Amino acid sequence: MSRGPKRIPSMVKNPQLVEKRRRQIIRGACDLFIRKGFHKTTTREIARECGLSIGTMYEYIQSKEDVLYLVCDYIHSELEARLKKALDQEGTGRERLTRAIAQHFKAMDAMRDDVLLIYQETKSLPKDAMSYVLKKEEEITSLFEAVLQRGIQDGTLNLDQSSVKLMAHNIMVLGEMWTFRGWVLRQHYTLEEYTRLQTALLLDECTHQSRR
């Protein structure tokens, strides 16, 4: 498990209000960062976009880097929640893996601008915040490790233990490829076709590896 999230001081002591205002800030900042990039966006623009005065916004954050951290944490949390929803359903390891792959690819399609934002702008975070954000990525990958292990245990997947972590990362990257290479892939495949073909390749690897 990762360390806890970075604590961002707030002048406001009401936790519900802090949560509400930070959600406003995240929504406004996310759109701006996607359109203009982190460095070209000013805190005044963020405040205007989320409907707060600059003074009010600074009651909830201390810097523009705090806003970027909140945005990255929100995006990862949303991706994780979508994946867990698919994994919460009953089934064999193979069935759960198939659903998880489809959900992961679907999320990468729906949130492709957000995912690109994380990979482009994470380098602008302070070291401690960057470490936490990268750890969140590892935690999402570990969900695939867990479902692969379940498939090994119930006999619906044949995968060497030494390959589990690598396979989990492969699945993550194949989903991200739809985001990063979508400009060309979408010329040849629909999301459904891409998901079906990639799932078939992954399941073939996960069911025949130990027989080679």
C-alpha atoms as a PDB file:
ATOM      1  CA  MET A   1       0.000   0.000   0.000  1.00  0.00           C
ATOM      2  CA  SER A   2       1.101   3.570  -0.602  1.00  0.00           C
ATOM      3  CA  ARG A   3       1.647   6.159   2.047  1.00  0.00           C
ATOM      4  CA  GLY A   4      -1.364   8.366   2.723  1.00  0.00           C
ATOM      5  CA  PRO A   5      -2.243  11.253   0.446  1.00  0.00           C
ATOM      6  CA  LYS A   6      -0.297  14.475   0.708  1.00  0.00           C
ATOM      7  CA  ARG A   7      -1.888  16.737   3.285  1.00  0.00           C
ATOM      8  CA  ILE A   8      -2.777  20.137   1.855  1.00  0.00           C
ATOM      9  CA  PRO A   9      -3.407  22.711   4.597  1.00  0.00           C
ATOM     10  CA  SER A  10      -6.670  24.677   4.481  1.00  0.00           C
ATOM     11  CA  MET A  11      -7.687  27.825   6.327  1.00  0.00           C
ATOM     12  CA  VAL A  12     -11.241  26.441   6.423  1.00  0.00           C
ATOM     13  CA  LYS A  13     -11.908  23.931   9.186  1.00  0.00           C
ATOM     14  CA  ASN A  14     -15.209  22.488   7.895  1.00  0.00           C
ATOM     15  CA  PRO A  15     -14.151  19.237   6.120  1.00  0.00           C
ATOM     16  CA  GLN A  16     -17.358  18.988   4.085  1.00  0.00           C
ATOM     17  CA  LEU A  17     -16.910  22.525   2.762  1.00  0.00           C
ATOM     18  CA  VAL A  18     -13.239  21.886   2.017  1.00  0.00           C
ATOM     19  CA  GLU A  19     -14.220  18.774   0.025  1.00  0.00           C
ATOM     20  CA  LYS A  20     -16.912  20.681  -1.882  1.00  0.00           C
ATOM     21  CA  ARG A  21     -14.679  23.641  -2.772  1.00  0.00           C
ATOM     22  CA  ARG A  22     -11.764  21.434  -3.762  1.00  0.00           C
ATOM     23  CA  ARG A  23     -14.072  19.513  -6.093  1.00  0.00           C
ATOM     24  CA  GLN A  24     -14.941  22.851  -7.713  1.00  0.00           C
ATOM     25  CA  ILE A  25     -11.266  23.694  -8.039  1.00  0.00           C
ATOM     26  CA  ILE A  26     -10.455  20.271  -9.508  1.00  0.00           C
ATOM     27  CA  ARG A  27     -13.171  20.522 -12.170  1.00  0.00           C
ATOM     28  CA  GLY A  28     -12.138  23.992 -13.255  1.00  0.00           C
ATOM     29  CA  ALA A  29      -8.404  23.303 -13.159  1.00  0.00           C
ATOM     30  CA  CYS A  30      -8.665  19.986 -15.004  1.00  0.00           C
ATOM     31  CA  ASP A  31     -10.307  21.625 -18.024  1.00  0.00           C
ATOM     32  CA  LEU A  32      -7.744  24.423 -18.054  1.00  0.00           C
ATOM     33  CA  PHE A  33      -4.728  22.119 -17.677  1.00  0.00           C
ATOM     34  CA  ILE A  34      -6.000  19.973 -20.555  1.00  0.00           C
ATOM     35  CA  ARG A  35      -6.558  22.994 -22.821  1.00  0.00           C
ATOM     36  CA  LYS A  36      -3.553  25.130 -21.902  1.00  0.00           C
ATOM     37  CA  GLY A  37      -1.141  22.965 -19.924  1.00  0.00           C
ATOM     38  CA  PHE A  38      -0.136  23.379 -16.299  1.00  0.00           C
ATOM     39  CA  HIS A  39       2.560  26.028 -16.772  1.00  0.00           C
ATOM     40  CA  LYS A  40       0.489  28.295 -19.024  1.00  0.00           C
ATOM     41  CA  THR A  41      -2.484  28.266 -16.663  1.00  0.00           C
ATOM     42  CA  THR A  42      -2.537  30.907 -13.912  1.00  0.00           C
ATOM     43  CA  THR A  43      -4.116  30.552 -10.506  1.00  0.00           C
ATOM     44  CA  ARG A  44      -6.335  33.529 -11.332  1.00  0.00           C
ATOM     45  CA  GLU A  45      -7.674  31.654 -14.352  1.00  0.00           C
ATOM     46  CA  ILE A  46      -8.333  28.591 -12.198  1.00  0.00           C
ATOM     47  CA  ALA A  47     -10.253  30.688  -9.661  1.00  0.00           C
ATOM     48  CA  ARG A  48     -12.336  32.301 -12.417  1.00  0.00           C
ATOM     49  CA  GLU A  49     -13.041  28.926 -14.065  1.00  0.00           C
ATOM     50  CA  CYS A  50     -14.302  27.358 -10.830  1.00  0.00           C
ATOM     51  CA  GLY A  51     -16.348  30.401  -9.797  1.00  0.00           C
ATOM     52  CA  LEU A  52     -14.250  31.521  -6.811  1.00  0.00           C
ATOM     53  CA  SER A  53     -12.318  34.678  -6.068  1.00  0.00           C
ATOM     54  CA  ILE A  54      -8.546  34.244  -5.989  1.00  0.00           C
ATOM     55  CA  GLY A  55      -8.592  35.018  -2.251  1.00  0.00           C
ATOM     56  CA  THR A  56     -11.267  32.427  -1.538  1.00  0.00           C
ATOM     57  CA  MET A  57      -9.444  29.784  -3.564  1.00  0.00           C
ATOM     58  CA  TYR A  58      -6.283  30.291  -1.505  1.00  0.00           C
ATOM     59  CA  GLU A  59      -8.267  29.436   1.612  1.00  0.00           C
ATOM     60  CA  TYR A  60      -8.367  25.851   0.306  1.00  0.00           C
ATOM     61  CA  ILE A  61      -4.968  25.417  -1.370  1.00  0.00           C
ATOM     62  CA  GLN A  62      -1.529  26.988  -0.999  1.00  0.00           C
ATOM     63  CA  SER A  63      -0.119  26.826  -4.514  1.00  0.00           C
ATOM     64  CA  LYS A  64      -0.829  25.894  -8.126  1.00  0.00           C
ATOM     65  CA  GLU A  65       1.144  22.701  -7.518  1.00  0.00           C
ATOM     66  CA  ASP A  66      -1.414  21.792  -4.839  1.00  0.00           C
ATOM     67  CA  VAL A  67      -4.121  22.091  -7.483  1.00  0.00           C
ATOM     68  CA  LEU A  68      -2.206  19.841  -9.890  1.00  0.00           C
ATOM     69  CA  TYR A  69      -1.780  17.254  -7.130  1.00  0.00           C
ATOM     70  CA  LEU A  70      -5.514  17.326  -6.371  1.00  0.00           C
ATOM     71  CA  VAL A  71      -6.297  16.910 -10.073  1.00  0.00           C
ATOM     72  CA  CYS A  72      -3.922  13.938 -10.465  1.00  0.00           C
ATOM     73  CA  ASP A  73      -5.223  12.279  -7.302  1.00  0.00           C
ATOM     74  CA  TYR A  74      -8.821  12.726  -8.472  1.00  0.00           C
ATOM     75  CA  ILE A  75      -8.093  11.199 -11.897  1.00  0.00           C
ATOM     76  CA  HIS A  76      -6.355   8.168 -10.397  1.00  0.00           C
ATOM     77  CA  SER A  77      -9.138   7.709  -7.850  1.00  0.00           C
ATOM     78  CA  GLU A  78     -11.739   7.782 -10.631  1.00  0.00           C
ATOM     79  CA  LEU A  79      -9.829   5.235 -12.705  1.00  0.00           C
ATOM     80  CA  GLU A  80      -9.432   2.988  -9.653  1.00  0.00           C
ATOM     81  CA  ALA A  81     -13.135   3.225  -8.758  1.00  0.00           C
ATOM     82  CA  ARG A  82     -14.203   2.271 -12.284  1.00  0.00           C
ATOM     83  CA  LEU A  83     -11.910  -0.752 -12.296  1.00  0.00           C
ATOM     84  CA  LYS A  84     -13.011  -1.916  -8.830  1.00  0.00           C
ATOM     85  CA  LYS A  85     -16.629  -1.757  -9.967  1.00  0.00           C
ATOM     86  CA  ALA A  86     -15.873  -4.391 -12.621  1.00  0.00           C
ATOM     87  CA  LEU A  87     -13.913  -6.507 -10.154  1.00  0.00           C
ATOM     88  CA  ASP A  88     -16.675  -6.450  -7.544  1.00  0.00           C
ATOM     89  CA  GLN A  89     -18.802  -8.779  -9.685  1.00  0.00           C
ATOM     90  CA  GLU A  90     -18.637 -12.505  -9.039  1.00  0.00           C
ATOM     91  CA  GLY A  91     -17.002 -14.959 -11.419  1.00  0.00           C
ATOM     92  CA  THR A  92     -13.885 -16.980 -12.103  1.00  0.00           C
ATOM     93  CA  GLY A  93     -10.509 -15.327 -12.339  1.00  0.00           C
ATOM     94  CA  ARG A  94     -10.696 -15.479 -16.137  1.00  0.00           C
ATOM     95  CA  GLU A  95     -14.178 -13.932 -16.203  1.00  0.00           C
ATOM     96  CA  ARG A  96     -13.176 -11.172 -13.807  1.00  0.00           C
ATOM     97  CA  LEU A  97     -10.007 -10.498 -15.796  1.00  0.00           C
ATOM     98  CA  THR A  98     -12.001 -10.188 -19.028  1.00  0.00           C
ATOM     99  CA  ARG A  99     -14.385  -7.691 -17.408  1.00  0.00           C
ATOM    100  CA  ALA A 100     -11.517  -5.766 -15.831  1.00  0.00           C
ATOM    101  CA  ILE A 101      -9.674  -5.435 -19.146  1.00  0.00           C
ATOM    102  CA  ALA A 102     -12.829  -4.168 -20.863  1.00  0.00           C
ATOM    103  CA  GLN A 103     -13.482  -1.679 -18.066  1.00  0.00           C
ATOM    104  CA  HIS A 104      -9.872  -0.480 -18.076  1.00  0.00           C
ATOM    105  CA  PHE A 105      -9.919   0.130 -21.831  1.00  0.00           C
ATOM    106  CA  LYS A 106     -13.312   1.847 -21.582  1.00  0.00           C
ATOM    107  CA  ALA A 107     -12.019   4.147 -18.853  1.00  0.00           C
ATOM    108  CA  MET A 108      -8.908   4.950 -20.898  1.00  0.00           C
ATOM    109  CA  ASP A 109     -11.178   5.941 -23.779  1.00  0.00           C
ATOM    110  CA  ALA A 110     -13.573   8.032 -21.677  1.00  0.00           C
ATOM    111  CA  MET A 111     -10.789   9.732 -19.696  1.00  0.00           C
ATOM    112  CA  ARG A 112      -8.059   9.919 -22.332  1.00  0.00           C
ATOM    113  CA  ASP A 113      -7.521  13.679 -21.938  1.00  0.00           C
ATOM    114  CA  ASP A 114      -7.228  13.243 -18.171  1.00  0.00           C
ATOM    115  CA  VAL A 115      -4.756  10.368 -18.524  1.00  0.00           C
ATOM    116  CA  LEU A 116      -2.619  12.365 -20.948  1.00  0.00           C
ATOM    117  CA  LEU A 117      -2.667  15.228 -18.457  1.00  0.00           C
ATOM    118  CA  ILE A 118      -1.235  13.019 -15.699  1.00  0.00           C
ATOM    119  CA  TYR A 119       1.608  11.756 -17.869  1.00  0.00           C
ATOM    120  CA  GLN A 120       2.447  15.185 -19.255  1.00  0.00           C
ATOM    121  CA  GLU A 121       2.291  17.195 -16.050  1.00  0.00           C
ATOM    122  CA  THR A 122       3.228  14.873 -13.146  1.00  0.00           C
ATOM    123  CA  LYS A 123       6.849  16.002 -13.535  1.00  0.00           C
ATOM    124  CA  SER A 124       5.760  19.460 -12.341  1.00  0.00           C
ATOM    125  CA  LEU A 125       4.779  18.146  -8.896  1.00  0.00           C
ATOM    126  CA  PRO A 126       7.045  18.424  -5.848  1.00  0.00           C
ATOM    127  CA  LYS A 127       8.946  15.211  -5.112  1.00  0.00           C
ATOM    128  CA  ASP A 128       6.708  13.970  -2.274  1.00  0.00           C
ATOM    129  CA  ALA A 129       3.515  14.595  -4.221  1.00  0.00           C
ATOM    130  CA  MET A 130       4.966  12.969  -7.343  1.00  0.00           C
ATOM    131  CA  SER A 131       5.935   9.909  -5.324  1.00  0.00           C
ATOM    132  CA  TYR A 132       2.362   9.524  -4.055  1.00  0.00           C
ATOM    133  CA  VAL A 133       0.818   9.960  -7.512  1.00  0.00           C
ATOM    134  CA  LEU A 134       3.151   7.349  -9.018  1.00  0.00           C
ATOM    135  CA  LYS A 135       2.350   4.999  -6.147  1.00  0.00           C
ATOM    136  CA  LYS A 136      -1.343   5.341  -6.980  1.00  0.00           C
ATOM    137  CA  GLU A 137      -0.525   4.078 -10.473  1.00  0.00           C
ATOM    138  CA  GLU A 138       1.144   1.024  -8.917  1.00  0.00           C
ATOM    139  CA  GLU A 139      -1.926   0.391  -6.762  1.00  0.00           C
ATOM    140  CA  ILE A 140      -4.167   0.320  -9.830  1.00  0.00           C
ATOM    141  CA  THR A 141      -1.763  -2.145 -11.462  1.00  0.00           C
ATOM    142  CA  SER A 142      -1.894  -4.306  -8.339  1.00  0.00           C
ATOM    143  CA  LEU A 143      -5.635  -4.808  -8.914  1.00  0.00           C
ATOM    144  CA  PHE A 144      -4.743  -6.687 -12.090  1.00  0.00           C
ATOM    145  CA  GLU A 145      -2.104  -8.670 -10.199  1.00  0.00           C
ATOM    146  CA  ALA A 146      -4.792  -9.756  -7.728  1.00  0.00           C
ATOM    147  CA  VAL A 147      -7.234 -10.910 -10.394  1.00  0.00           C
ATOM    148  CA  LEU A 148      -4.445 -12.796 -12.202  1.00  0.00           C
ATOM    149  CA  GLN A 149      -3.591 -14.541  -8.930  1.00  0.00           C
ATOM    150  CA  ARG A 150      -7.241 -15.473  -8.455  1.00  0.00           C
ATOM    151  CA  GLY A 151      -7.306 -17.039 -11.921  1.00  0.00           C
ATOM    152  CA  ILE A 152      -4.182 -19.046 -11.131  1.00  0.00           C
ATOM    153  CA  GLN A 153      -5.713 -20.255  -7.872  1.00  0.00           C
ATOM    154  CA  ASP A 154      -9.049 -21.331  -9.399  1.00  0.00           C
ATOM    155  CA  GLY A 155      -7.374 -22.933 -12.417  1.00  0.00           C
ATOM    156  CA  THR A 156      -8.934 -20.711 -15.089  1.00  0.00           C
ATOM    157  CA  LEU A 157      -5.575 -19.080 -15.906  1.00  0.00           C
ATOM    158  CA  ASN A 158      -2.192 -20.730 -16.480  1.00  0.00           C
ATOM    159  CA  LEU A 159       0.485 -18.164 -15.734  1.00  0.00           C
ATOM    160  CA  ASP A 160       3.875 -18.498 -14.105  1.00  0.00           C
ATOM    161  CA  GLN A 161       4.150 -16.584 -10.834  1.00  0.00           C
ATOM    162  CA  SER A 162       7.227 -14.811 -12.189  1.00  0.00           C
ATOM    163  CA  SER A 163       5.097 -13.330 -14.991  1.00  0.00           C
ATOM    164  CA  VAL A 164       2.174 -12.014 -12.926  1.00  0.00           C
ATOM    165  CA  LYS A 165       3.545  -8.534 -12.227  1.00  0.00           C
ATOM    166  CA  LEU A 166       4.767  -8.120 -15.813  1.00  0.00           C
ATOM    167  CA  MET A 167       1.403  -9.230 -17.202  1.00  0.00           C
ATOM    168  CA  ALA A 168      -0.408  -6.739 -14.953  1.00  0.00           C
ATOM    169  CA  HIS A 169       1.791  -3.946 -16.296  1.00  0.00           C
ATOM    170  CA  ASN A 170       1.221  -5.184 -19.852  1.00  0.00           C
ATOM    171  CA  ILE A 171      -2.534  -4.841 -19.360  1.00  0.00           C
ATOM    172  CA  MET A 172      -2.120  -1.324 -17.986  1.00  0.00           C
ATOM    173  CA  VAL A 173       0.062  -0.298 -20.918  1.00  0.00           C
ATOM    174  CA  LEU A 174      -2.284  -1.793 -23.520  1.00  0.00           C
ATOM    175  CA  GLY A 175      -5.091   0.316 -22.076  1.00  0.00           C
ATOM    176  CA  GLU A 176      -2.896   3.405 -22.072  1.00  0.00           C
ATOM    177  CA  MET A 177      -1.896   2.662 -25.671  1.00  0.00           C
ATOM    178  CA  TRP A 178      -5.482   3.397 -26.698  1.00  0.00           C
ATOM    179  CA  THR A 179      -4.923   6.829 -25.152  1.00  0.00           C
ATOM    180  CA  PHE A 180      -1.402   7.531 -26.416  1.00  0.00           C
ATOM    181  CA  ARG A 181      -1.732   5.906 -29.851  1.00  0.00           C
ATOM    182  CA  GLY A 182      -5.438   6.464 -30.307  1.00  0.00           C
ATOM    183  CA  TRP A 183      -4.814   9.041 -33.024  1.00  0.00           C
ATOM    184  CA  VAL A 184      -3.825   6.186 -35.354  1.00  0.00           C
ATOM    185  CA  LEU A 185      -5.533   3.165 -33.758  1.00  0.00           C
ATOM    186  CA  ARG A 186      -8.979   4.771 -34.022  1.00  0.00           C
ATOM    187  CA  GLN A 187      -8.490   4.945 -37.785  1.00  0.00           C
ATOM    188  CA  HIS A 188      -8.442   1.135 -37.920  1.00  0.00           C
ATOM    189  CA  TYR A 189     -10.374  -0.142 -34.881  1.00  0.00           C
ATOM    190  CA  THR A 190     -13.375   0.737 -32.800  1.00  0.00           C
ATOM    191  CA  LEU A 191     -12.896   0.523 -29.044  1.00  0.00           C
ATOM    192  CA  GLU A 192     -14.919  -2.704 -29.037  1.00  0.00           C
ATOM    193  CA  GLU A 193     -12.715  -4.265 -31.743  1.00  0.00           C
ATOM    194  CA  TYR A 194      -9.542  -3.146 -29.996  1.00  0.00           C
ATOM    195  CA  THR A 195     -10.787  -4.578 -26.691  1.00  0.00           C
ATOM    196  CA  ARG A 196     -11.790  -7.909 -28.246  1.00  0.00           C
ATOM    197  CA  LEU A 197      -8.483  -8.392 -30.071  1.00  0.00           C
ATOM    198  CA  GLN A 198      -6.269  -7.340 -27.170  1.00  0.00           C
ATOM    199  CA  THR A 199      -8.278  -9.437 -24.707  1.00  0.00           C
ATOM    200  CA  ALA A 200      -7.879 -12.492 -26.940  1.00  0.00           C
ATOM    201  CA  LEU A 201      -4.109 -11.976 -27.095  1.00  0.00           C
ATOM    202  CA  LEU A 202      -3.854 -11.476 -23.328  1.00  0.00           C
ATOM    203  CA  LEU A 203      -5.997 -14.488 -22.498  1.00  0.00           C
ATOM    204  CA  ASP A 204      -4.016 -16.649 -24.887  1.00  0.00           C
ATOM    205  CA  GLU A 205      -0.847 -15.639 -23.044  1.00  0.00           C
ATOM    206  CA  CYS A 206      -2.508 -16.190 -19.672  1.00  0.00           C
ATOM    207  CA  THR A 207      -3.861 -19.642 -20.501  1.00  0.00           C
ATOM    208  CA  HIS A 208      -1.061 -21.223 -22.536  1.00  0.00           C
ATOM    209  CA  GLN A 209       2.115 -19.831 -20.994  1.00  0.00           C
ATOM    210  CA  SER A 210       2.784 -22.824 -18.734  1.00  0.00           C
ATOM    211  CA  ARG A 211       2.354 -25.265 -21.659  1.00  0.00           C
ATOM    212  CA  ARG A 212       5.234 -23.850 -23.694  1.00  0.00           C
END
